[in-house]
Amino acid sequence: MKFKSLATLLLASVICTMNSCTTDPYEEPILPVEIVAPTPTPTPTPTPTPTPTPTPTPTPTPTPTPTPTPTPTPTPTPTPTPTPTPTPTPTPTPTPTTDPYSYSYSASELQLMDLINAYRVSIGLNTLIKTNYISTKAEEHNNYMITTNILSHDNFTARSQDIMKTLGAKSTSENVAYNSSTVQAAFDAWLASPSHKAAIEGAYTNFGMSIRINSATGRKYYTNIFARI
């Protein structure tokens, strides 16, 4: 009976539903059923993947361009200024002047004068000018020695003063020789004597020469006078 009532109830409920009836003697009130749509489980908002903060690319520190160490300019070693070697002032050869006096030279006299000048040149001295007036004074002295038969320098002071007065000479000197057979022998004898050699090498400009033979003995007399004019 109980089952029948339940079936009748269900049937009536179906019929009412189909026929939209709302009253049935067997119908029990139907409690409203609220069908709640299930609240959808919210899809979890995905936690956004944090955008990685870009690590700033470090600005490369520029490698400093090395400043080249300047090569030191070598300080030039000063070249010492050479002390100029003074050019020796050559002793000027006196310019011969017109000789107003005359004298006739023998070959032997000219040869002896050439020997003296060649020697002076060999030691760097000037040649001497053949001067007629000085040769006349040398001849006078040779004649004096032949007359007296004495080798001497007698009266040299007077001869010197005469040459100074006439030619304007500043200094004079005299060499004499006796009995030398050749002019070379006479010249060599003078060079072997310090005082005669000093006269030949003296600071003179002019000279005179006389060679005379003593006719009685055949001996030769030599007189050579030097002067600085």
C-alpha atoms as a PDB file:
ATOM      1  CA  MET A   1       0.000   0.000   0.000  1.00  0.00           C
ATOM      2  CA  LYS A   2       2.841   2.152   0.845  1.00  0.00           C
ATOM      3  CA  PHE A   3       4.455   1.413  -2.508  1.00  0.00           C
ATOM      4  CA  LYS A   4       1.227   2.193  -4.243  1.00  0.00           C
ATOM      5  CA  SER A   5       0.924   5.534  -2.635  1.00  0.00           C
ATOM      6  CA  LEU A   6       4.459   6.403  -3.617  1.00  0.00           C
ATOM      7  CA  ALA A   7       3.857   5.371  -7.189  1.00  0.00           C
ATOM      8  CA  THR A   8       0.612   7.236  -7.331  1.00  0.00           C
ATOM      9  CA  LEU A   9       2.354  10.250  -6.010  1.00  0.00           C
ATOM     10  CA  LEU A  10       5.120  10.118  -8.531  1.00  0.00           C
ATOM     11  CA  LEU A  11       2.660   9.610 -11.354  1.00  0.00           C
ATOM     12  CA  ALA A  12       0.510  12.448 -10.268  1.00  0.00           C
ATOM     13  CA  SER A  13       3.539  14.566 -10.036  1.00  0.00           C
ATOM     14  CA  VAL A  14       4.563  13.690 -13.571  1.00  0.00           C
ATOM     15  CA  ILE A  15       1.036  14.313 -14.859  1.00  0.00           C
ATOM     16  CA  CYS A  16       0.809  17.622 -13.192  1.00  0.00           C
ATOM     17  CA  THR A  17       4.017  18.649 -14.582  1.00  0.00           C
ATOM     18  CA  MET A  18       3.027  17.672 -18.045  1.00  0.00           C
ATOM     19  CA  ASN A  19      -0.410  19.236 -17.717  1.00  0.00           C
ATOM     20  CA  SER A  20       0.828  22.231 -15.854  1.00  0.00           C
ATOM     21  CA  CYS A  21      -1.580  21.573 -13.051  1.00  0.00           C
ATOM     22  CA  THR A  22      -0.830  22.792  -9.757  1.00  0.00           C
ATOM     23  CA  THR A  23      -3.408  20.998  -7.624  1.00  0.00           C
ATOM     24  CA  ASP A  24      -3.533  17.426  -7.026  1.00  0.00           C
ATOM     25  CA  PRO A  25      -5.316  15.785  -4.070  1.00  0.00           C
ATOM     26  CA  TYR A  26      -2.369  13.582  -3.685  1.00  0.00           C
ATOM     27  CA  GLU A  27       0.280  16.128  -4.277  1.00  0.00           C
ATOM     28  CA  GLU A  28       2.391  17.154  -1.473  1.00  0.00           C
ATOM     29  CA  PRO A  29       3.717  20.575  -1.603  1.00  0.00           C
ATOM     30  CA  ILE A  30       7.010  20.696  -3.374  1.00  0.00           C
ATOM     31  CA  LEU A  31       9.486  22.841  -1.709  1.00  0.00           C
ATOM     32  CA  PRO A  32      11.102  25.087  -4.097  1.00  0.00           C
ATOM     33  CA  VAL A  33      14.455  23.886  -4.998  1.00  0.00           C
ATOM     34  CA  GLU A  34      16.820  26.519  -5.974  1.00  0.00           C
ATOM     35  CA  ILE A  35      19.206  25.190  -8.384  1.00  0.00           C
ATOM     36  CA  VAL A  36      22.229  27.152  -7.913  1.00  0.00           C
ATOM     37  CA  ALA A  37      24.514  26.979 -10.723  1.00  0.00           C
ATOM     38  CA  PRO A  38      27.717  25.954  -9.268  1.00  0.00           C
ATOM     39  CA  THR A  39      29.933  28.851  -8.838  1.00  0.00           C
ATOM     40  CA  PRO A  40      32.634  28.027 -11.218  1.00  0.00           C
ATOM     41  CA  THR A  41      35.823  27.520  -9.567  1.00  0.00           C
ATOM     42  CA  PRO A  42      37.616  30.527 -10.716  1.00  0.00           C
ATOM     43  CA  THR A  43      40.415  29.670 -12.944  1.00  0.00           C
ATOM     44  CA  PRO A  44      43.295  30.883 -11.015  1.00  0.00           C
ATOM     45  CA  THR A  45      44.729  33.880 -12.635  1.00  0.00           C
ATOM     46  CA  PRO A  46      48.109  32.720 -13.489  1.00  0.00           C
ATOM     47  CA  THR A  47      50.623  34.490 -11.546  1.00  0.00           C
ATOM     48  CA  PRO A  48      52.314  36.431 -14.212  1.00  0.00           C
ATOM     49  CA  THR A  49      55.833  35.363 -14.652  1.00  0.00           C
ATOM     50  CA  PRO A  50      57.644  38.446 -13.711  1.00  0.00           C
ATOM     51  CA  THR A  51      59.346  39.893 -16.665  1.00  0.00           C
ATOM     52  CA  PRO A  52      62.871  39.750 -15.624  1.00  0.00           C
ATOM     53  CA  THR A  53      64.247  43.153 -15.208  1.00  0.00           C
ATOM     54  CA  PRO A  54      66.925  43.166 -17.764  1.00  0.00           C
ATOM     55  CA  THR A  55      70.228  43.400 -16.162  1.00  0.00           C
ATOM     56  CA  PRO A  56      71.732  46.379 -17.832  1.00  0.00           C
ATOM     57  CA  THR A  57      74.615  45.380 -19.948  1.00  0.00           C
ATOM     58  CA  PRO A  58      77.461  47.095 -18.252  1.00  0.00           C
ATOM     59  CA  THR A  59      78.954  49.749 -20.376  1.00  0.00           C
ATOM     60  CA  PRO A  60      82.421  48.508 -20.903  1.00  0.00           C
ATOM     61  CA  THR A  61      84.942  50.706 -19.310  1.00  0.00           C
ATOM     62  CA  PRO A  62      86.972  51.874 -22.255  1.00  0.00           C
ATOM     63  CA  THR A  63      90.460  50.567 -22.075  1.00  0.00           C
ATOM     64  CA  PRO A  64      92.505  53.711 -21.948  1.00  0.00           C
ATOM     65  CA  THR A  65      94.696  54.046 -24.961  1.00  0.00           C
ATOM     66  CA  PRO A  66      98.124  54.046 -23.483  1.00  0.00           C
ATOM     67  CA  THR A  67      99.847  57.316 -24.066  1.00  0.00           C
ATOM     68  CA  PRO A  68     103.147  56.381 -25.570  1.00  0.00           C
ATOM     69  CA  THR A  69     106.009  57.358 -23.380  1.00  0.00           C
ATOM     70  CA  PRO A  70     107.816  59.894 -25.500  1.00  0.00           C
ATOM     71  CA  THR A  71     111.271  58.771 -26.405  1.00  0.00           C
ATOM     72  CA  PRO A  72     113.467  61.382 -24.852  1.00  0.00           C
ATOM     73  CA  THR A  73     115.329  63.336 -27.445  1.00  0.00           C
ATOM     74  CA  PRO A  74     118.934  62.788 -26.584  1.00  0.00           C
ATOM     75  CA  THR A  75     120.602  65.974 -25.596  1.00  0.00           C
ATOM     76  CA  PRO A  76     123.318  66.353 -28.175  1.00  0.00           C
ATOM     77  CA  THR A  77     126.745  66.351 -26.654  1.00  0.00           C
ATOM     78  CA  PRO A  78     128.040  69.728 -27.619  1.00  0.00           C
ATOM     79  CA  THR A  79     130.945  69.386 -29.952  1.00  0.00           C
ATOM     80  CA  PRO A  80     133.642  71.551 -28.578  1.00  0.00           C
ATOM     81  CA  THR A  81     134.397  74.361 -30.921  1.00  0.00           C
ATOM     82  CA  PRO A  82     137.881  73.662 -32.082  1.00  0.00           C
ATOM     83  CA  THR A  83     140.300  76.387 -31.291  1.00  0.00           C
ATOM     84  CA  PRO A  84     141.335  77.584 -34.691  1.00  0.00           C
ATOM     85  CA  THR A  85     144.988  77.041 -35.336  1.00  0.00           C
ATOM     86  CA  PRO A  86     146.306  80.472 -36.005  1.00  0.00           C
ATOM     87  CA  THR A  87     147.569  80.717 -39.518  1.00  0.00           C
ATOM     88  CA  PRO A  88     151.157  81.705 -39.227  1.00  0.00           C
ATOM     89  CA  THR A  89     151.705  85.067 -40.752  1.00  0.00           C
ATOM     90  CA  PRO A  90     154.363  84.508 -43.335  1.00  0.00           C
ATOM     91  CA  THR A  91     157.287  86.808 -43.050  1.00  0.00           C
ATOM     92  CA  PRO A  92     156.888  88.929 -46.123  1.00  0.00           C
ATOM     93  CA  THR A  93     159.753  88.830 -48.534  1.00  0.00           C
ATOM     94  CA  PRO A  94     160.857  92.416 -48.854  1.00  0.00           C
ATOM     95  CA  THR A  95     160.052  93.969 -52.169  1.00  0.00           C
ATOM     96  CA  PRO A  96     163.298  94.782 -53.883  1.00  0.00           C
ATOM     97  CA  THR A  97     163.716  98.423 -54.621  1.00  0.00           C
ATOM     98  CA  THR A  98     165.763  99.927 -57.366  1.00  0.00           C
ATOM     99  CA  ASP A  99     169.308  99.894 -56.055  1.00  0.00           C
ATOM    100  CA  PRO A 100     171.023 103.173 -56.971  1.00  0.00           C
ATOM    101  CA  TYR A 101     174.417 101.620 -56.264  1.00  0.00           C
ATOM    102  CA  SER A 102     176.332  99.283 -58.529  1.00  0.00           C
ATOM    103  CA  TYR A 103     178.403  96.242 -57.729  1.00  0.00           C
ATOM    104  CA  SER A 104     179.827  93.585 -60.026  1.00  0.00           C
ATOM    105  CA  TYR A 105     179.287  90.144 -58.469  1.00  0.00           C
ATOM    106  CA  SER A 106     181.553  87.198 -59.179  1.00  0.00           C
ATOM    107  CA  ALA A 107     180.117  83.720 -59.681  1.00  0.00           C
ATOM    108  CA  SER A 108     181.526  82.673 -56.288  1.00  0.00           C
ATOM    109  CA  GLU A 109     179.804  85.566 -54.506  1.00  0.00           C
ATOM    110  CA  LEU A 110     176.444  84.776 -56.119  1.00  0.00           C
ATOM    111  CA  GLN A 111     176.865  81.082 -55.277  1.00  0.00           C
ATOM    112  CA  LEU A 112     177.511  81.821 -51.601  1.00  0.00           C
ATOM    113  CA  MET A 113     174.469  84.120 -51.452  1.00  0.00           C
ATOM    114  CA  ASP A 114     172.340  81.355 -52.993  1.00  0.00           C
ATOM    115  CA  LEU A 115     173.573  78.863 -50.364  1.00  0.00           C
ATOM    116  CA  ILE A 116     172.556  81.257 -47.579  1.00  0.00           C
ATOM    117  CA  ASN A 117     169.073  81.900 -49.008  1.00  0.00           C
ATOM    118  CA  ALA A 118     168.462  78.192 -49.674  1.00  0.00           C
ATOM    119  CA  TYR A 119     169.335  77.404 -46.059  1.00  0.00           C
ATOM    120  CA  ARG A 120     167.028  80.113 -44.718  1.00  0.00           C
ATOM    121  CA  VAL A 121     164.142  78.816 -46.816  1.00  0.00           C
ATOM    122  CA  SER A 122     164.790  75.262 -45.550  1.00  0.00           C
ATOM    123  CA  ILE A 123     164.158  76.400 -41.968  1.00  0.00           C
ATOM    124  CA  GLY A 124     161.131  78.536 -42.833  1.00  0.00           C
ATOM    125  CA  LEU A 125     162.797  81.938 -43.074  1.00  0.00           C
ATOM    126  CA  ASN A 126     162.513  84.590 -45.735  1.00  0.00           C
ATOM    127  CA  THR A 127     165.106  85.001 -48.431  1.00  0.00           C
ATOM    128  CA  LEU A 128     167.383  88.021 -48.286  1.00  0.00           C
ATOM    129  CA  ILE A 129     167.609  90.710 -50.931  1.00  0.00           C
ATOM    130  CA  LYS A 130     170.956  91.181 -52.588  1.00  0.00           C
ATOM    131  CA  THR A 131     171.855  94.823 -51.966  1.00  0.00           C
ATOM    132  CA  ASN A 132     174.685  96.503 -53.861  1.00  0.00           C
ATOM    133  CA  TYR A 133     175.462  99.178 -51.292  1.00  0.00           C
ATOM    134  CA  ILE A 134     175.957  96.567 -48.567  1.00  0.00           C
ATOM    135  CA  SER A 135     178.221  94.563 -50.895  1.00  0.00           C
ATOM    136  CA  THR A 136     180.406  97.658 -51.463  1.00  0.00           C
ATOM    137  CA  LYS A 137     180.829  97.944 -47.688  1.00  0.00           C
ATOM    138  CA  ALA A 138     181.763  94.239 -47.528  1.00  0.00           C
ATOM    139  CA  GLU A 139     184.305  94.772 -50.302  1.00  0.00           C
ATOM    140  CA  GLU A 140     185.838  97.721 -48.436  1.00  0.00           C
ATOM    141  CA  HIS A 141     186.387  95.506 -45.415  1.00  0.00           C
ATOM    142  CA  ASN A 142     187.962  92.709 -47.497  1.00  0.00           C
ATOM    143  CA  ASN A 143     190.432  95.211 -48.934  1.00  0.00           C
ATOM    144  CA  TYR A 144     191.194  96.394 -45.390  1.00  0.00           C
ATOM    145  CA  MET A 145     191.925  92.812 -44.213  1.00  0.00           C
ATOM    146  CA  ILE A 146     194.146  92.103 -47.247  1.00  0.00           C
ATOM    147  CA  THR A 147     196.065  95.298 -46.557  1.00  0.00           C
ATOM    148  CA  THR A 148     196.509  94.548 -42.865  1.00  0.00           C
ATOM    149  CA  ASN A 149     196.796  90.800 -43.419  1.00  0.00           C
ATOM    150  CA  ILE A 150     194.511  90.344 -40.417  1.00  0.00           C
ATOM    151  CA  LEU A 151     191.119  88.585 -40.200  1.00  0.00           C
ATOM    152  CA  SER A 152     188.978  90.966 -38.133  1.00  0.00           C
ATOM    153  CA  HIS A 153     185.756  92.915 -37.636  1.00  0.00           C
ATOM    154  CA  ASP A 154     187.614  96.180 -37.338  1.00  0.00           C
ATOM    155  CA  ASN A 155     185.524  99.288 -37.974  1.00  0.00           C
ATOM    156  CA  PHE A 156     182.271  97.295 -38.031  1.00  0.00           C
ATOM    157  CA  THR A 157     180.515  99.996 -36.015  1.00  0.00           C
ATOM    158  CA  ALA A 158     181.368 102.576 -38.654  1.00  0.00           C
ATOM    159  CA  ARG A 159     180.167 100.283 -41.460  1.00  0.00           C
ATOM    160  CA  SER A 160     176.951  99.538 -39.603  1.00  0.00           C
ATOM    161  CA  GLN A 161     176.193 103.205 -38.998  1.00  0.00           C
ATOM    162  CA  ASP A 162     176.893 103.987 -42.641  1.00  0.00           C
ATOM    163  CA  ILE A 163     174.431 101.310 -43.791  1.00  0.00           C
ATOM    164  CA  MET A 164     171.801 102.493 -41.297  1.00  0.00           C
ATOM    165  CA  LYS A 165     172.199 106.084 -42.419  1.00  0.00           C
ATOM    166  CA  THR A 166     172.214 105.359 -46.138  1.00  0.00           C
ATOM    167  CA  LEU A 167     169.601 102.580 -46.331  1.00  0.00           C
ATOM    168  CA  GLY A 168     167.589 103.226 -43.182  1.00  0.00           C
ATOM    169  CA  ALA A 169     168.637  99.867 -41.711  1.00  0.00           C
ATOM    170  CA  LYS A 170     167.503  99.115 -38.158  1.00  0.00           C
ATOM    171  CA  SER A 171     170.090  96.443 -37.360  1.00  0.00           C
ATOM    172  CA  THR A 172     173.140  94.819 -38.950  1.00  0.00           C
ATOM    173  CA  SER A 173     175.433  91.830 -38.492  1.00  0.00           C
ATOM    174  CA  GLU A 174     178.647  90.594 -40.141  1.00  0.00           C
ATOM    175  CA  ASN A 175     180.385  87.278 -40.882  1.00  0.00           C
ATOM    176  CA  VAL A 176     183.974  87.004 -42.126  1.00  0.00           C
ATOM    177  CA  ALA A 177     186.101  84.050 -43.217  1.00  0.00           C
ATOM    178  CA  TYR A 178     189.635  83.446 -44.392  1.00  0.00           C
ATOM    179  CA  ASN A 179     191.474  80.873 -46.442  1.00  0.00           C
ATOM    180  CA  SER A 180     188.435  78.694 -47.358  1.00  0.00           C
ATOM    181  CA  SER A 181     189.228  77.258 -50.766  1.00  0.00           C
ATOM    182  CA  THR A 182     185.576  76.981 -51.838  1.00  0.00           C
ATOM    183  CA  VAL A 183     182.383  78.873 -51.057  1.00  0.00           C
ATOM    184  CA  GLN A 184     180.875  75.634 -49.716  1.00  0.00           C
ATOM    185  CA  ALA A 185     183.741  75.279 -47.249  1.00  0.00           C
ATOM    186  CA  ALA A 186     183.254  78.880 -46.081  1.00  0.00           C
ATOM    187  CA  PHE A 187     179.484  78.343 -45.720  1.00  0.00           C
ATOM    188  CA  ASP A 188     179.947  75.093 -43.773  1.00  0.00           C
ATOM    189  CA  ALA A 189     182.427  76.769 -41.428  1.00  0.00           C
ATOM    190  CA  TRP A 190     179.903  79.555 -40.674  1.00  0.00           C
ATOM    191  CA  LEU A 191     177.114  77.062 -39.920  1.00  0.00           C
ATOM    192  CA  ALA A 192     179.455  75.154 -37.601  1.00  0.00           C
ATOM    193  CA  SER A 193     179.992  78.307 -35.531  1.00  0.00           C
ATOM    194  CA  PRO A 194     177.010  79.240 -33.280  1.00  0.00           C
ATOM    195  CA  SER A 195     177.606  82.997 -33.553  1.00  0.00           C
ATOM    196  CA  HIS A 196     178.018  82.931 -37.365  1.00  0.00           C
ATOM    197  CA  LYS A 197     174.999  80.608 -37.738  1.00  0.00           C
ATOM    198  CA  ALA A 198     172.909  83.002 -35.620  1.00  0.00           C
ATOM    199  CA  ALA A 199     173.756  85.815 -38.033  1.00  0.00           C
ATOM    200  CA  ILE A 200     172.711  83.692 -41.041  1.00  0.00           C
ATOM    201  CA  GLU A 201     169.389  82.839 -39.308  1.00  0.00           C
ATOM    202  CA  GLY A 202     168.794  86.387 -38.056  1.00  0.00           C
ATOM    203  CA  ALA A 203     165.691  88.514 -38.661  1.00  0.00           C
ATOM    204  CA  TYR A 204     167.190  90.354 -41.593  1.00  0.00           C
ATOM    205  CA  THR A 205     165.848  91.451 -44.953  1.00  0.00           C
ATOM    206  CA  ASN A 206     168.916  92.383 -47.012  1.00  0.00           C
ATOM    207  CA  PHE A 207     172.509  91.295 -47.372  1.00  0.00           C
ATOM    208  CA  GLY A 208     175.742  91.945 -49.270  1.00  0.00           C
ATOM    209  CA  MET A 209     178.682  89.705 -50.138  1.00  0.00           C
ATOM    210  CA  SER A 210     182.309  90.163 -51.138  1.00  0.00           C
ATOM    211  CA  ILE A 211     185.039  87.593 -51.842  1.00  0.00           C
ATOM    212  CA  ARG A 212     188.536  88.882 -52.542  1.00  0.00           C
ATOM    213  CA  ILE A 213     191.842  87.107 -53.127  1.00  0.00           C
ATOM    214  CA  ASN A 214     195.130  88.339 -51.709  1.00  0.00           C
ATOM    215  CA  SER A 215     197.249  88.344 -54.828  1.00  0.00           C
ATOM    216  CA  ALA A 216     200.409  87.985 -52.763  1.00  0.00           C
ATOM    217  CA  THR A 217     199.300  84.861 -50.928  1.00  0.00           C
ATOM    218  CA  GLY A 218     196.451  83.543 -53.069  1.00  0.00           C
ATOM    219  CA  ARG A 219     194.280  83.361 -49.919  1.00  0.00           C
ATOM    220  CA  LYS A 220     190.609  84.264 -50.062  1.00  0.00           C
ATOM    221  CA  TYR A 221     188.827  86.701 -47.749  1.00  0.00           C
ATOM    222  CA  TYR A 222     185.065  86.565 -47.258  1.00  0.00           C
ATOM    223  CA  THR A 223     182.872  89.303 -45.815  1.00  0.00           C
ATOM    224  CA  ASN A 224     179.077  88.882 -45.523  1.00  0.00           C
ATOM    225  CA  ILE A 225     177.004  91.746 -44.055  1.00  0.00           C
ATOM    226  CA  PHE A 226     173.289  91.401 -43.063  1.00  0.00           C
ATOM    227  CA  ALA A 227     170.854  94.277 -42.549  1.00  0.00           C
ATOM    228  CA  ARG A 228     167.226  94.677 -41.486  1.00  0.00           C
ATOM    229  CA  ILE A 229     165.647  97.460 -43.497  1.00  0.00           C
END
